[in-house]
């Protein structure tokens, strides 16, 4: 029963989308994409524009998605296992009383300027 409802809804949405366009007006063409060097352009679709690129103060999902493609963290939580997976850090260790965490970066990690 649910599959029929989903199919009916999908068909209705497709039909409404087709009826909403005016065939007498030409479809808009996207702006041409110019050739860019690798690493200079990021194109992505989001539900809204990112409000910030500051990872400390972001609260919207669009900013979080954009920063996920711009910044790489030291570690990241694996959503399937909830374990901490290495990213920029290949390993880390805590001191005896747990107040200091030392991260060891992967070999070949560079800043955005290549250094």
Protein backbone atom coordinates (compact mmCIF):
# COMPACT_ATOMS: atom_id res chain seq x y z
CA UNK A 1 0.00 0.00 0.00
CA UNK A 2 2.84 2.39 0.84
CA UNK A 3 4.55 1.61 -2.48
CA UNK A 4 1.39 2.61 -4.37
CA UNK A 5 1.17 5.87 -2.44
CA UNK A 6 4.82 6.67 -3.15
CA UNK A 7 4.37 5.83 -6.83
CA UNK A 8 1.20 7.94 -7.04
CA UNK A 9 2.89 10.85 -5.32
CA UNK A 10 5.92 10.60 -7.61
CA UNK A 11 3.71 10.52 -10.71
CA UNK A 12 1.68 13.51 -9.46
CA UNK A 13 4.87 15.47 -8.76
CA UNK A 14 6.27 14.61 -12.20
CA UNK A 15 3.00 15.63 -13.85
CA UNK A 16 2.82 18.91 -11.92
CA UNK A 17 6.42 19.70 -12.81
CA UNK A 18 5.75 19.10 -16.49
CA UNK A 19 2.61 21.22 -16.45
CA UNK A 20 4.31 24.08 -14.66
CA UNK A 21 6.78 24.77 -17.45
CA UNK A 22 5.69 26.98 -20.33
CA UNK A 23 6.70 25.36 -23.64
CA UNK A 24 6.60 28.72 -25.47
CA UNK A 25 9.54 30.07 -23.45
CA UNK A 26 12.96 28.60 -24.09
CA UNK A 27 14.57 26.77 -21.22
CA UNK A 28 17.24 28.76 -19.46
CA UNK A 29 20.73 27.62 -20.17
CA UNK A 30 23.23 27.38 -17.35
CA UNK A 31 26.20 29.70 -17.32
CA UNK A 32 29.20 28.20 -19.10
CA UNK A 33 31.78 26.65 -16.87
CA UNK A 34 35.25 27.87 -17.64
CA UNK A 35 38.18 25.55 -17.45
CA UNK A 36 39.94 25.77 -14.13
CA UNK A 37 43.05 24.25 -12.72
CA UNK A 38 42.62 21.35 -10.36
CA UNK A 39 41.87 22.52 -6.85
CA UNK A 40 40.63 25.99 -7.75
CA UNK A 41 36.86 25.50 -8.14
CA UNK A 42 34.27 23.65 -6.11
CA UNK A 43 30.76 23.37 -7.56
CA UNK A 44 28.01 21.81 -5.48
CA UNK A 45 24.25 22.01 -5.07
CA UNK A 46 22.77 22.79 -1.66
CA UNK A 47 19.36 23.70 -0.35
CA UNK A 48 20.63 27.18 0.58
CA UNK A 49 23.79 29.25 0.57
CA UNK A 50 26.31 28.60 3.35
CA UNK A 51 26.04 31.24 6.06
CA UNK A 52 29.67 30.91 7.16
CA UNK A 53 32.87 28.99 6.51
CA UNK A 54 33.94 29.21 10.15
CA UNK A 55 33.74 25.67 11.59
CA UNK A 56 33.50 26.99 15.14
CA UNK A 57 30.28 29.00 14.70
CA UNK A 58 28.29 27.27 11.94
CA UNK A 59 24.74 26.15 12.74
CA UNK A 60 23.19 25.48 9.32
CA UNK A 61 23.50 22.32 7.27
CA UNK A 62 24.56 24.14 4.10
CA UNK A 63 27.63 25.55 5.88
CA UNK A 64 28.41 22.14 7.34
CA UNK A 65 28.22 20.49 3.92
CA UNK A 66 30.43 23.13 2.31
CA UNK A 67 33.02 22.95 5.08
CA UNK A 68 33.13 19.18 4.76
CA UNK A 69 34.54 19.69 1.26
CA UNK A 70 36.90 22.52 2.25
CA UNK A 71 38.35 21.47 5.61
CA UNK A 72 39.66 18.09 6.68
CA UNK A 73 39.58 17.31 10.40
CA UNK A 74 42.21 15.51 12.44
CA UNK A 75 39.69 12.77 13.23
CA UNK A 76 36.08 12.05 12.36
CA UNK A 77 33.37 9.97 14.00
CA UNK A 78 32.32 7.01 11.86
CA UNK A 79 28.50 7.24 11.66
CA UNK A 80 28.12 3.45 11.34
CA UNK A 81 30.32 2.40 14.23
CA UNK A 82 30.51 5.64 16.30
CA UNK A 83 34.25 4.97 16.54
CA UNK A 84 36.80 7.71 15.98
CA UNK A 85 38.44 7.28 12.57
CA UNK A 86 41.71 8.97 11.59
CA UNK A 87 41.65 11.68 8.93
CA UNK A 88 44.63 14.05 8.93
CA UNK A 89 45.97 12.39 12.06
CA UNK A 90 47.19 8.86 11.51
CA UNK A 91 47.23 8.22 15.25
CA UNK A 92 46.91 10.02 18.58
CA UNK A 93 47.71 9.36 22.21
CA UNK A 94 46.80 10.82 25.58
CA UNK A 95 49.18 11.53 28.46
CA UNK A 96 48.88 9.57 31.71
CA UNK A 97 46.28 11.84 33.33
CA UNK A 98 44.28 12.38 30.11
CA UNK A 99 44.79 16.13 29.95
CA UNK A 100 46.95 16.29 26.80
CA UNK A 101 46.26 14.66 23.46
CA UNK A 102 49.11 14.44 20.95
CA UNK A 103 48.19 13.99 17.28
CA UNK A 104 50.59 12.54 14.71
CA UNK A 105 49.83 13.77 11.18
CA UNK A 106 49.88 11.59 8.09
CA UNK A 107 52.93 11.86 5.87
CA UNK A 108 52.54 14.27 2.95
CA UNK A 109 49.89 16.52 4.56
CA UNK A 110 50.15 20.05 3.18
CA UNK A 111 48.53 23.42 3.84
CA UNK A 112 46.26 24.93 1.21
CA UNK A 113 49.22 26.80 -0.28
CA UNK A 114 51.10 23.53 -0.87
CA UNK A 115 53.61 23.93 1.95
